[in-house]
PDB file of N, CA and C in Angstrom:
ATOM      1  N   UNK A   1       0.820  -1.203   0.000  1.00  0.00           N
ATOM      2  CA  UNK A   1       0.000   0.000   0.000  1.00  0.00           C
ATOM      3  C   UNK A   1       0.858   1.258   0.000  1.00  0.00           C
ATOM      4  N   UNK A   2       1.953   1.241   0.729  1.00  0.00           N
ATOM      5  CA  UNK A   2       2.811   2.423   0.791  1.00  0.00           C
ATOM      6  C   UNK A   2       3.342   2.798  -0.574  1.00  0.00           C
ATOM      7  N   UNK A   3       3.668   1.810  -1.402  1.00  0.00           N
ATOM      8  CA  UNK A   3       4.201   2.136  -2.725  1.00  0.00           C
ATOM      9  C   UNK A   3       3.135   2.774  -3.600  1.00  0.00           C
ATOM     10  N   UNK A   4       1.875   2.314  -3.484  1.00  0.00           N
ATOM     11  CA  UNK A   4       0.788   2.952  -4.229  1.00  0.00           C
ATOM     12  C   UNK A   4       0.608   4.395  -3.777  1.00  0.00           C
ATOM     13  N   UNK A   5       0.674   4.597  -2.477  1.00  0.00           N
ATOM     14  CA  UNK A   5       0.520   5.945  -1.930  1.00  0.00           C
ATOM     15  C   UNK A   5       1.648   6.852  -2.408  1.00  0.00           C
ATOM     16  N   UNK A   6       2.879   6.385  -2.363  1.00  0.00           N
ATOM     17  CA  UNK A   6       4.003   7.224  -2.764  1.00  0.00           C
ATOM     18  C   UNK A   6       3.973   7.492  -4.266  1.00  0.00           C
ATOM     19  N   UNK A   7       3.458   6.548  -5.057  1.00  0.00           N
ATOM     20  CA  UNK A   7       3.340   6.791  -6.501  1.00  0.00           C
ATOM     21  C   UNK A   7       2.384   7.941  -6.776  1.00  0.00           C
ATOM     22  N   UNK A   8       1.403   8.102  -5.944  1.00  0.00           N
ATOM     23  CA  UNK A   8       0.456   9.201  -6.101  1.00  0.00           C
ATOM     24  C   UNK A   8       0.947  10.476  -5.423  1.00  0.00           C
ATOM     25  N   UNK A   9       1.562  10.312  -4.273  1.00  0.00           N
ATOM     26  CA  UNK A   9       1.973  11.471  -3.483  1.00  0.00           C
ATOM     27  C   UNK A   9       3.144  12.214  -4.109  1.00  0.00           C
ATOM     28  N   UNK A  10       4.138  11.483  -4.566  1.00  0.00           N
ATOM     29  CA  UNK A  10       5.337  12.147  -5.104  1.00  0.00           C
ATOM     30  C   UNK A  10       5.032  13.124  -6.225  1.00  0.00           C
ATOM     31  N   UNK A  11       4.265  12.743  -7.250  1.00  0.00           N
ATOM     32  CA  UNK A  11       3.962  13.711  -8.314  1.00  0.00           C
ATOM     33  C   UNK A  11       3.156  14.902  -7.801  1.00  0.00           C
ATOM     34  N   UNK A  12       2.238  14.656  -6.873  1.00  0.00           N
ATOM     35  CA  UNK A  12       1.417  15.718  -6.317  1.00  0.00           C
ATOM     36  C   UNK A  12       2.290  16.717  -5.560  1.00  0.00           C
ATOM     37  N   UNK A  13       3.179  16.206  -4.730  1.00  0.00           N
ATOM     38  CA  UNK A  13       4.090  17.054  -3.958  1.00  0.00           C
ATOM     39  C   UNK A  13       5.013  17.813  -4.898  1.00  0.00           C
ATOM     40  N   UNK A  14       5.557  17.128  -5.873  1.00  0.00           N
ATOM     41  CA  UNK A  14       6.470  17.759  -6.829  1.00  0.00           C
ATOM     42  C   UNK A  14       5.779  18.879  -7.600  1.00  0.00           C
ATOM     43  N   UNK A  15       4.567  18.619  -8.062  1.00  0.00           N
ATOM     44  CA  UNK A  15       3.811  19.638  -8.800  1.00  0.00           C
ATOM     45  C   UNK A  15       3.593  20.879  -7.942  1.00  0.00           C
ATOM     46  N   UNK A  16       3.162  20.679  -6.701  1.00  0.00           N
ATOM     47  CA  UNK A  16       2.877  21.828  -5.844  1.00  0.00           C
ATOM     48  C   UNK A  16       4.145  22.565  -5.425  1.00  0.00           C
ATOM     49  N   UNK A  17       5.245  21.874  -5.278  1.00  0.00           N
ATOM     50  CA  UNK A  17       6.515  22.559  -4.991  1.00  0.00           C
ATOM     51  C   UNK A  17       6.911  23.441  -6.172  1.00  0.00           C
ATOM     52  N   UNK A  18       6.789  22.898  -7.380  1.00  0.00           N
ATOM     53  CA  UNK A  18       7.122  23.704  -8.565  1.00  0.00           C
ATOM     54  C   UNK A  18       6.187  24.910  -8.679  1.00  0.00           C
ATOM     55  N   UNK A  19       4.923  24.705  -8.389  1.00  0.00           N
ATOM     56  CA  UNK A  19       3.961  25.795  -8.444  1.00  0.00           C
ATOM     57  C   UNK A  19       4.312  26.875  -7.423  1.00  0.00           C
ATOM     58  N   UNK A  20       4.609  26.472  -6.192  1.00  0.00           N
ATOM     59  CA  UNK A  20       4.999  27.456  -5.170  1.00  0.00           C
ATOM     60  C   UNK A  20       6.297  28.157  -5.550  1.00  0.00           C
ATOM     61  N   UNK A  21       7.241  27.431  -6.126  1.00  0.00           N
ATOM     62  CA  UNK A  21       8.502  28.047  -6.574  1.00  0.00           C
ATOM     63  C   UNK A  21       8.247  29.097  -7.650  1.00  0.00           C
ATOM     64  N   UNK A  22       7.341  28.791  -8.568  1.00  0.00           N
ATOM     65  CA  UNK A  22       6.999  29.750  -9.623  1.00  0.00           C
ATOM     66  C   UNK A  22       6.382  31.003  -9.031  1.00  0.00           C
ATOM     67  N   UNK A  23       5.428  30.832  -8.146  1.00  0.00           N
ATOM     68  CA  UNK A  23       4.778  31.983  -7.507  1.00  0.00           C
ATOM     69  C   UNK A  23       5.805  32.767  -6.693  1.00  0.00           C
ATOM     70  N   UNK A  24       6.702  32.074  -6.010  1.00  0.00           N
ATOM     71  CA  UNK A  24       7.752  32.744  -5.234  1.00  0.00           C
ATOM     72  C   UNK A  24       8.630  33.598  -6.144  1.00  0.00           C
ATOM     73  N   UNK A  25       8.989  33.073  -7.300  1.00  0.00           N
ATOM     74  CA  UNK A  25       9.803  33.859  -8.249  1.00  0.00           C
ATOM     75  C   UNK A  25       9.054  35.100  -8.708  1.00  0.00           C
ATOM     76  N   UNK A  26       7.753  34.958  -8.997  1.00  0.00           N
ATOM     77  CA  UNK A  26       6.963  36.127  -9.399  1.00  0.00           C
ATOM     78  C   UNK A  26       6.938  37.168  -8.290  1.00  0.00           C
ATOM     79  N   UNK A  27       6.771  36.705  -7.063  1.00  0.00           N
ATOM     80  CA  UNK A  27       6.771  37.631  -5.933  1.00  0.00           C
ATOM     81  C   UNK A  27       8.124  38.323  -5.795  1.00  0.00           C
ATOM     82  N   UNK A  28       9.216  37.575  -5.929  1.00  0.00           N
ATOM     83  CA  UNK A  28      10.561  38.155  -5.828  1.00  0.00           C
ATOM     84  C   UNK A  28      10.772  39.201  -6.915  1.00  0.00           C
ATOM     85  N   UNK A  29      10.266  38.940  -8.113  1.00  0.00           N
ATOM     86  CA  UNK A  29      10.371  39.929  -9.189  1.00  0.00           C
ATOM     87  C   UNK A  29       9.596  41.192  -8.825  1.00  0.00           C
ATOM     88  N   UNK A  30       8.442  41.017  -8.184  1.00  0.00           N
ATOM     89  CA  UNK A  30       7.657  42.172  -7.743  1.00  0.00           C
ATOM     90  C   UNK A  30       8.369  42.965  -6.668  1.00  0.00           C
ATOM     91  N   UNK A  31       9.064  42.273  -5.777  1.00  0.00           N
ATOM     92  CA  UNK A  31       9.860  42.957  -4.749  1.00  0.00           C
ATOM     93  C   UNK A  31      10.977  43.743  -5.410  1.00  0.00           C
ATOM     94  N   UNK A  32      11.688  43.100  -6.335  1.00  0.00           N
ATOM     95  CA  UNK A  32      12.786  43.784  -7.038  1.00  0.00           C
ATOM     96  C   UNK A  32      12.303  45.013  -7.793  1.00  0.00           C
ATOM     97  N   UNK A  33      11.109  44.936  -8.366  1.00  0.00           N
ATOM     98  CA  UNK A  33      10.560  46.047  -9.130  1.00  0.00           C
ATOM     99  C   UNK A  33       9.958  47.129  -8.238  1.00  0.00           C
ATOM    100  N   UNK A  34       9.913  46.869  -6.927  1.00  0.00           N
ATOM    101  CA  UNK A  34       9.340  47.842  -6.000  1.00  0.00           C
ATOM    102  C   UNK A  34       7.825  47.821  -5.958  1.00  0.00           C
ATOM    103  N   UNK A  35       7.223  46.784  -6.536  1.00  0.00           N
ATOM    104  CA  UNK A  35       5.766  46.678  -6.566  1.00  0.00           C
ATOM    105  C   UNK A  35       5.210  45.942  -5.347  1.00  0.00           C
ATOM    106  N   UNK A  36       6.054  45.162  -4.689  1.00  0.00           N
ATOM    107  CA  UNK A  36       5.657  44.374  -3.529  1.00  0.00           C
ATOM    108  C   UNK A  36       6.586  44.733  -2.368  1.00  0.00           C
ATOM    109  N   UNK A  37       6.021  44.811  -1.177  1.00  0.00           N
ATOM    110  CA  UNK A  37       6.806  45.135   0.018  1.00  0.00           C
ATOM    111  C   UNK A  37       7.982  44.170   0.157  1.00  0.00           C
ATOM    112  N   UNK A  38       9.141  44.674   0.530  1.00  0.00           N
ATOM    113  CA  UNK A  38      10.313  43.815   0.663  1.00  0.00           C
ATOM    114  C   UNK A  38      10.345  42.994   1.952  1.00  0.00           C
ATOM    115  N   UNK A  39       9.456  43.271   2.886  1.00  0.00           N
ATOM    116  CA  UNK A  39       9.498  42.587   4.182  1.00  0.00           C
ATOM    117  C   UNK A  39       8.613  41.343   4.248  1.00  0.00           C
ATOM    118  N   UNK A  40       8.059  40.911   3.122  1.00  0.00           N
ATOM    119  CA  UNK A  40       7.189  39.736   3.172  1.00  0.00           C
ATOM    120  C   UNK A  40       8.007  38.445   3.166  1.00  0.00           C
ATOM    121  N   UNK A  41       7.432  37.408   3.693  1.00  0.00           N
ATOM    122  CA  UNK A  41       8.019  36.070   3.668  1.00  0.00           C
ATOM    123  C   UNK A  41       7.571  35.430   2.347  1.00  0.00           C
ATOM    124  N   UNK A  42       8.470  35.399   1.363  1.00  0.00           N
ATOM    125  CA  UNK A  42       8.117  34.942   0.024  1.00  0.00           C
ATOM    126  C   UNK A  42       7.573  33.517   0.021  1.00  0.00           C
ATOM    127  N   UNK A  43       8.182  32.638   0.790  1.00  0.00           N
ATOM    128  CA  UNK A  43       7.727  31.245   0.825  1.00  0.00           C
ATOM    129  C   UNK A  43       6.319  31.142   1.405  1.00  0.00           C
ATOM    130  N   UNK A  44       6.070  31.853   2.481  1.00  0.00           N
ATOM    131  CA  UNK A  44       4.757  31.799   3.124  1.00  0.00           C
ATOM    132  C   UNK A  44       3.679  32.378   2.223  1.00  0.00           C
ATOM    133  N   UNK A  45       3.973  33.502   1.581  1.00  0.00           N
ATOM    134  CA  UNK A  45       2.977  34.132   0.715  1.00  0.00           C
ATOM    135  C   UNK A  45       2.718  33.263  -0.522  1.00  0.00           C
ATOM    136  N   UNK A  46       3.749  32.641  -1.063  1.00  0.00           N
ATOM    137  CA  UNK A  46       3.547  31.742  -2.199  1.00  0.00           C
ATOM    138  C   UNK A  46       2.618  30.599  -1.802  1.00  0.00           C
ATOM    139  N   UNK A  47       2.811  30.055  -0.608  1.00  0.00           N
ATOM    140  CA  UNK A  47       1.943  28.971  -0.138  1.00  0.00           C
ATOM    141  C   UNK A  47       0.510  29.465   0.049  1.00  0.00           C
ATOM    142  N   UNK A  48       0.349  30.666   0.580  1.00  0.00           N
ATOM    143  CA  UNK A  48      -0.988  31.243   0.763  1.00  0.00           C
ATOM    144  C   UNK A  48      -1.678  31.418  -0.589  1.00  0.00           C
ATOM    145  N   UNK A  49      -0.965  31.937  -1.571  1.00  0.00           N
ATOM    146  CA  UNK A  49      -1.557  32.167  -2.894  1.00  0.00           C
ATOM    147  C   UNK A  49      -1.973  30.845  -3.540  1.00  0.00           C
ATOM    148  N   UNK A  50      -1.093  29.878  -3.522  1.00  0.00           N
ATOM    149  CA  UNK A  50      -1.434  28.575  -4.099  1.00  0.00           C
ATOM    150  C   UNK A  50      -2.628  27.973  -3.353  1.00  0.00           C
ATOM    151  N   UNK A  51      -2.633  28.089  -2.045  1.00  0.00           N
ATOM    152  CA  UNK A  51      -3.752  27.576  -1.260  1.00  0.00           C
ATOM    153  C   UNK A  51      -5.062  28.273  -1.589  1.00  0.00           C
ATOM    154  N   UNK A  52      -5.004  29.579  -1.785  1.00  0.00           N
ATOM    155  CA  UNK A  52      -6.217  30.325  -2.142  1.00  0.00           C
ATOM    156  C   UNK A  52      -6.751  29.866  -3.494  1.00  0.00           C
ATOM    157  N   UNK A  53      -5.878  29.771  -4.456  1.00  0.00           N
ATOM    158  CA  UNK A  53      -6.303  29.378  -5.802  1.00  0.00           C
ATOM    159  C   UNK A  53      -6.891  27.965  -5.779  1.00  0.00           C
ATOM    160  N   UNK A  54      -6.184  27.044  -5.138  1.00  0.00           N
ATOM    161  CA  UNK A  54      -6.663  25.661  -5.076  1.00  0.00           C
ATOM    162  C   UNK A  54      -7.980  25.588  -4.305  1.00  0.00           C
ATOM    163  N   UNK A  55      -8.055  26.303  -3.198  1.00  0.00           N
ATOM    164  CA  UNK A  55      -9.271  26.274  -2.385  1.00  0.00           C
ATOM    165  C   UNK A  55     -10.478  26.840  -3.114  1.00  0.00           C
ATOM    166  N   UNK A  56     -10.292  27.954  -3.793  1.00  0.00           N
ATOM    167  CA  UNK A  56     -11.395  28.542  -4.557  1.00  0.00           C
ATOM    168  C   UNK A  56     -11.833  27.574  -5.659  1.00  0.00           C
ATOM    169  N   UNK A  57     -10.855  26.987  -6.334  1.00  0.00           N
ATOM    170  CA  UNK A  57     -11.179  26.037  -7.401  1.00  0.00           C
ATOM    171  C   UNK A  57     -11.934  24.830  -6.887  1.00  0.00           C
ATOM    172  N   UNK A  58     -11.501  24.275  -5.768  1.00  0.00           N
ATOM    173  CA  UNK A  58     -12.180  23.106  -5.202  1.00  0.00           C
ATOM    174  C   UNK A  58     -13.601  23.450  -4.746  1.00  0.00           C
ATOM    175  N   UNK A  59     -13.755  24.621  -4.136  1.00  0.00           N
ATOM    176  CA  UNK A  59     -15.092  25.041  -3.720  1.00  0.00           C
ATOM    177  C   UNK A  59     -16.005  25.214  -4.925  1.00  0.00           C
ATOM    178  N   UNK A  60     -15.484  25.816  -5.989  1.00  0.00           N
ATOM    179  CA  UNK A  60     -16.286  26.042  -7.202  1.00  0.00           C
ATOM    180  C   UNK A  60     -16.660  24.722  -7.870  1.00  0.00           C
ATOM    181  N   UNK A  61     -15.743  23.767  -7.873  1.00  0.00           N
ATOM    182  CA  UNK A  61     -16.049  22.453  -8.455  1.00  0.00           C
ATOM    183  C   UNK A  61     -17.055  21.679  -7.619  1.00  0.00           C
ATOM    184  N   UNK A  62     -16.897  21.750  -6.311  1.00  0.00           N
ATOM    185  CA  UNK A  62     -17.745  20.973  -5.416  1.00  0.00           C
ATOM    186  C   UNK A  62     -19.146  21.525  -5.254  1.00  0.00           C
ATOM    187  N   UNK A  63     -19.292  22.837  -5.332  1.00  0.00           N
ATOM    188  CA  UNK A  63     -20.600  23.469  -5.119  1.00  0.00           C
ATOM    189  C   UNK A  63     -20.703  24.716  -5.995  1.00  0.00           C
ATOM    190  N   UNK A  64     -20.746  24.517  -7.308  1.00  0.00           N
ATOM    191  CA  UNK A  64     -20.691  25.656  -8.230  1.00  0.00           C
ATOM    192  C   UNK A  64     -21.813  26.675  -8.053  1.00  0.00           C
ATOM    193  N   UNK A  65     -22.973  26.228  -7.603  1.00  0.00           N
ATOM    194  CA  UNK A  65     -24.081  27.171  -7.423  1.00  0.00           C
ATOM    195  C   UNK A  65     -23.868  28.101  -6.238  1.00  0.00           C
ATOM    196  N   UNK A  66     -23.016  27.713  -5.312  1.00  0.00           N
ATOM    197  CA  UNK A  66     -22.787  28.510  -4.105  1.00  0.00           C
ATOM    198  C   UNK A  66     -21.576  29.419  -4.217  1.00  0.00           C
ATOM    199  N   UNK A  67     -20.817  29.300  -5.305  1.00  0.00           N
ATOM    200  CA  UNK A  67     -19.571  30.053  -5.428  1.00  0.00           C
ATOM    201  C   UNK A  67     -19.656  31.010  -6.609  1.00  0.00           C
ATOM    202  N   UNK A  68     -19.648  32.290  -6.310  1.00  0.00           N
ATOM    203  CA  UNK A  68     -19.583  33.313  -7.353  1.00  0.00           C
ATOM    204  C   UNK A  68     -18.098  33.553  -7.626  1.00  0.00           C
ATOM    205  N   UNK A  69     -17.551  32.784  -8.543  1.00  0.00           N
ATOM    206  CA  UNK A  69     -16.107  32.748  -8.750  1.00  0.00           C
ATOM    207  C   UNK A  69     -15.533  34.135  -9.021  1.00  0.00           C
ATOM    208  N   UNK A  70     -16.152  34.890  -9.898  1.00  0.00           N
ATOM    209  CA  UNK A  70     -15.623  36.221 -10.217  1.00  0.00           C
ATOM    210  C   UNK A  70     -15.539  37.106  -8.982  1.00  0.00           C
ATOM    211  N   UNK A  71     -16.571  37.091  -8.165  1.00  0.00           N
ATOM    212  CA  UNK A  71     -16.581  37.913  -6.954  1.00  0.00           C
ATOM    213  C   UNK A  71     -15.532  37.426  -5.958  1.00  0.00           C
ATOM    214  N   UNK A  72     -15.400  36.114  -5.817  1.00  0.00           N
ATOM    215  CA  UNK A  72     -14.423  35.563  -4.883  1.00  0.00           C
ATOM    216  C   UNK A  72     -13.004  35.874  -5.339  1.00  0.00           C
ATOM    217  N   UNK A  73     -12.748  35.732  -6.624  1.00  0.00           N
ATOM    218  CA  UNK A  73     -11.416  36.038  -7.155  1.00  0.00           C
ATOM    219  C   UNK A  73     -11.109  37.521  -6.977  1.00  0.00           C
ATOM    220  N   UNK A  74     -12.084  38.378  -7.251  1.00  0.00           N
ATOM    221  CA  UNK A  74     -11.876  39.817  -7.032  1.00  0.00           C
ATOM    222  C   UNK A  74     -11.522  40.102  -5.577  1.00  0.00           C
ATOM    223  N   UNK A  75     -12.207  39.458  -4.660  1.00  0.00           N
ATOM    224  CA  UNK A  75     -11.953  39.664  -3.228  1.00  0.00           C
ATOM    225  C   UNK A  75     -10.574  39.143  -2.842  1.00  0.00           C
ATOM    226  N   UNK A  76     -10.212  37.988  -3.373  1.00  0.00           N
ATOM    227  CA  UNK A  76      -8.887  37.419  -3.084  1.00  0.00           C
ATOM    228  C   UNK A  76      -7.792  38.347  -3.603  1.00  0.00           C
ATOM    229  N   UNK A  77      -7.958  38.858  -4.819  1.00  0.00           N
ATOM    230  CA  UNK A  77      -6.957  39.772  -5.382  1.00  0.00           C
ATOM    231  C   UNK A  77      -6.867  41.056  -4.571  1.00  0.00           C
ATOM    232  N   UNK A  78      -8.010  41.569  -4.133  1.00  0.00           N
ATOM    233  CA  UNK A  78      -8.010  42.775  -3.305  1.00  0.00           C
ATOM    234  C   UNK A  78      -7.275  42.520  -1.986  1.00  0.00           C
ATOM    235  N   UNK A  79      -7.552  41.391  -1.372  1.00  0.00           N
ATOM    236  CA  UNK A  79      -6.894  41.036  -0.116  1.00  0.00           C
ATOM    237  C   UNK A  79      -5.390  40.923  -0.304  1.00  0.00           C
ATOM    238  N   UNK A  80      -4.959  40.235  -1.358  1.00  0.00           N
ATOM    239  CA  UNK A  80      -3.522  40.094  -1.625  1.00  0.00           C
ATOM    240  C   UNK A  80      -2.861  41.440  -1.921  1.00  0.00           C
ATOM    241  N   UNK A  81      -3.523  42.238  -2.739  1.00  0.00           N
ATOM    242  CA  UNK A  81      -2.973  43.550  -3.089  1.00  0.00           C
ATOM    243  C   UNK A  81      -2.769  44.404  -1.839  1.00  0.00           C
ATOM    244  N   UNK A  82      -3.760  44.419  -0.973  1.00  0.00           N
ATOM    245  CA  UNK A  82      -3.653  45.216   0.259  1.00  0.00           C
ATOM    246  C   UNK A  82      -2.541  44.716   1.172  1.00  0.00           C
ATOM    247  N   UNK A  83      -2.331  43.414   1.202  1.00  0.00           N
ATOM    248  CA  UNK A  83      -1.318  42.893   2.123  1.00  0.00           C
ATOM    249  C   UNK A  83       0.089  42.920   1.549  1.00  0.00           C
ATOM    250  N   UNK A  84       0.214  42.983   0.245  1.00  0.00           N
ATOM    251  CA  UNK A  84       1.550  42.900  -0.368  1.00  0.00           C
ATOM    252  C   UNK A  84       2.133  44.241  -0.813  1.00  0.00           C
ATOM    253  N   UNK A  85       1.280  45.243  -0.951  1.00  0.00           N
ATOM    254  CA  UNK A  85       1.794  46.531  -1.436  1.00  0.00           C
ATOM    255  C   UNK A  85       1.924  47.515  -0.287  1.00  0.00           C
ATOM    256  N   UNK A  86       2.675  48.536  -0.558  1.00  0.00           N
ATOM    257  CA  UNK A  86       2.950  49.546   0.477  1.00  0.00           C
ATOM    258  C   UNK A  86       1.770  50.436   0.696  1.00  0.00           C
TER     259      UNK A  86
END
């Protein structure tokens, strides 16, 4: 059973690490450009962003009638913008 689990877990973990690394690089570029506050924890914020995107997507898939995706995405972007900019 452990080998079946690891066959599924490894690709999932690898995919999400690459995704967080990509988001982290985008955030670092924003810091360098002066668009994002330099005092943020890039790793933590990348994890938060990936979690938000995945969570919104899962909620929309699981209960599409209850999720106004456009409104939720707008709110998430507003929240991120307020917390990441000066």
